[in-house]
Protein backbone atom coordinates (compact mmCIF):
# COMPACT_ATOMS: atom_id res chain seq x y z
CA MET A 1 108.09 20.24 48.48
CA ASP A 2 110.52 22.66 47.04
CA ILE A 3 111.07 25.94 48.92
CA ASN A 4 112.97 28.60 48.02
CA LEU A 5 113.64 31.10 51.13
CA ASP A 6 114.22 35.46 50.71
CA LYS A 7 117.77 35.08 51.72
CA VAL A 8 117.47 38.32 52.17
CA GLY A 9 114.96 38.79 53.69
CA VAL A 10 114.92 36.45 56.37
CA SER A 11 118.03 38.60 56.93
CA GLU A 12 116.27 41.67 56.55
CA ARG A 13 112.98 41.07 59.23
CA LEU A 14 115.95 39.07 61.83
CA LYS A 15 117.57 42.32 61.98
CA ASP A 16 114.22 44.22 62.60
CA PHE A 17 113.48 42.09 65.35
CA GLY A 18 116.45 41.86 67.04
CA ILE A 19 116.70 45.63 67.36
CA GLN A 20 113.08 45.76 67.81
CA LYS A 21 113.28 43.29 71.26
CA PHE A 22 117.36 44.16 71.98
CA GLY A 23 117.87 47.64 70.90
CA SER A 24 120.35 46.22 69.05
CA ILE A 25 122.10 44.21 66.30
CA SER A 26 124.95 43.82 69.41
CA LYS A 27 122.35 43.03 72.73
CA PHE A 28 120.24 40.37 69.96
CA ALA A 29 123.80 38.57 68.86
CA ARG A 30 124.78 38.12 72.36
CA GLU A 31 121.11 37.15 73.94
CA LEU A 32 121.34 33.75 71.30
CA ASP A 33 124.81 33.26 71.98
CA ALA A 34 126.78 34.54 68.74
CA SER A 35 129.14 36.22 68.08
CA PRO A 36 127.87 40.41 67.24
CA SER A 37 130.57 39.85 64.18
CA SER A 38 130.36 36.29 63.30
CA PHE A 39 125.61 37.18 63.63
CA GLN A 40 125.85 40.42 61.53
CA GLY A 41 128.38 38.01 58.76
CA THR A 42 126.85 34.91 58.87
CA TYR A 43 122.38 35.29 59.08
CA LEU A 44 122.14 39.08 58.56
CA SER A 45 123.92 39.27 55.24
CA GLY A 46 121.68 37.58 54.21
CA ARG A 47 125.08 34.92 53.48
CA SER A 48 122.87 31.92 55.29
CA LEU A 49 119.54 31.09 56.94
CA PRO A 50 119.13 30.07 60.76
CA GLY A 51 119.12 26.70 61.45
CA ALA A 52 117.31 24.85 64.44
CA PRO A 53 119.06 25.66 67.26
CA LEU A 54 119.15 29.04 66.31
CA LEU A 55 114.59 28.69 65.18
CA ALA A 56 114.37 27.43 68.54
CA LYS A 57 116.38 29.96 70.79
CA LEU A 58 114.35 32.44 68.30
CA LEU A 59 111.26 31.42 69.27
CA LEU A 60 111.71 31.14 73.09
CA LEU A 61 112.00 34.38 72.05
CA GLY A 62 108.82 35.34 70.65
CA CYS A 63 109.63 35.52 66.93
CA ASP A 64 107.29 34.27 64.97
CA LEU A 65 109.11 32.38 62.78
CA HIS A 66 106.15 32.10 59.66
CA TRP A 67 106.60 36.12 59.66
CA LEU A 68 110.78 35.04 59.85
CA PHE A 69 110.82 33.63 56.73
CA PHE A 70 107.77 34.71 54.58
CA GLY A 71 107.20 38.08 55.92
CA VAL A 72 103.06 37.10 56.84
CA LYS A 73 102.35 36.97 60.51
CA GLN A 74 100.29 33.34 60.92
CA GLU A 75 96.65 33.78 60.59
CA ASN A 76 94.85 33.18 64.20
CA ARG A 77 98.02 34.63 66.45
CA SER A 78 97.60 36.66 69.91
CA ASP A 79 99.92 40.66 68.45
CA ASP A 80 100.81 39.92 72.53
CA PRO A 81 104.17 39.34 72.94
CA GLU A 82 103.98 37.65 75.87
CA LEU A 83 101.73 35.84 74.21
CA MET A 84 103.50 34.23 72.08
CA GLU A 85 106.46 34.14 73.22
CA LEU A 86 104.77 31.34 76.00
CA ARG A 87 102.90 29.21 73.22
CA ASN A 88 106.21 29.49 71.40
CA LYS A 89 108.31 28.17 75.25
CA ASN A 90 105.44 25.63 74.99
CA ALA A 91 105.74 23.82 71.91
CA ILE A 92 110.24 23.32 72.69
CA LEU A 93 108.29 21.87 76.03
CA GLU A 94 106.56 19.50 74.06
CA LEU A 95 108.79 18.94 71.72
CA LYS A 96 111.39 17.88 74.32
CA ILE A 97 109.24 15.38 75.81
CA LYS A 98 108.51 13.69 73.26
CA ASN A 99 112.46 13.24 73.26
CA VAL A 100 112.68 12.24 76.15
CA ILE A 101 109.66 9.74 76.04
CA LYS A 102 111.13 7.67 72.80
CA ALA A 103 114.18 7.93 75.01
CA VAL A 104 112.60 5.64 77.80
CA GLU A 105 111.07 3.48 74.77
CA GLU A 106 114.47 2.81 72.81
């Protein structure tokens, strides 16, 4: 399946999420363990899309990745940010458990 993502749209939504959640891009970048200038130049400029490690951090912070990539909130999802954050943490924990089970089985 070929998906053409709008890098500029993703960067704008990423900026919106960061400012809404942290009040500034600098605080947002630091929360993601990134330097503000590098984060701005790479992701908020629309030059690159976030990779898996950054996406995992965004999930843990309560970012709706469906909205981030496509500009549409997922249906049947709560708008309650705390509930969304808990769901995202649960998804990350499930992934970690699967990885541990896989490692043990090898």
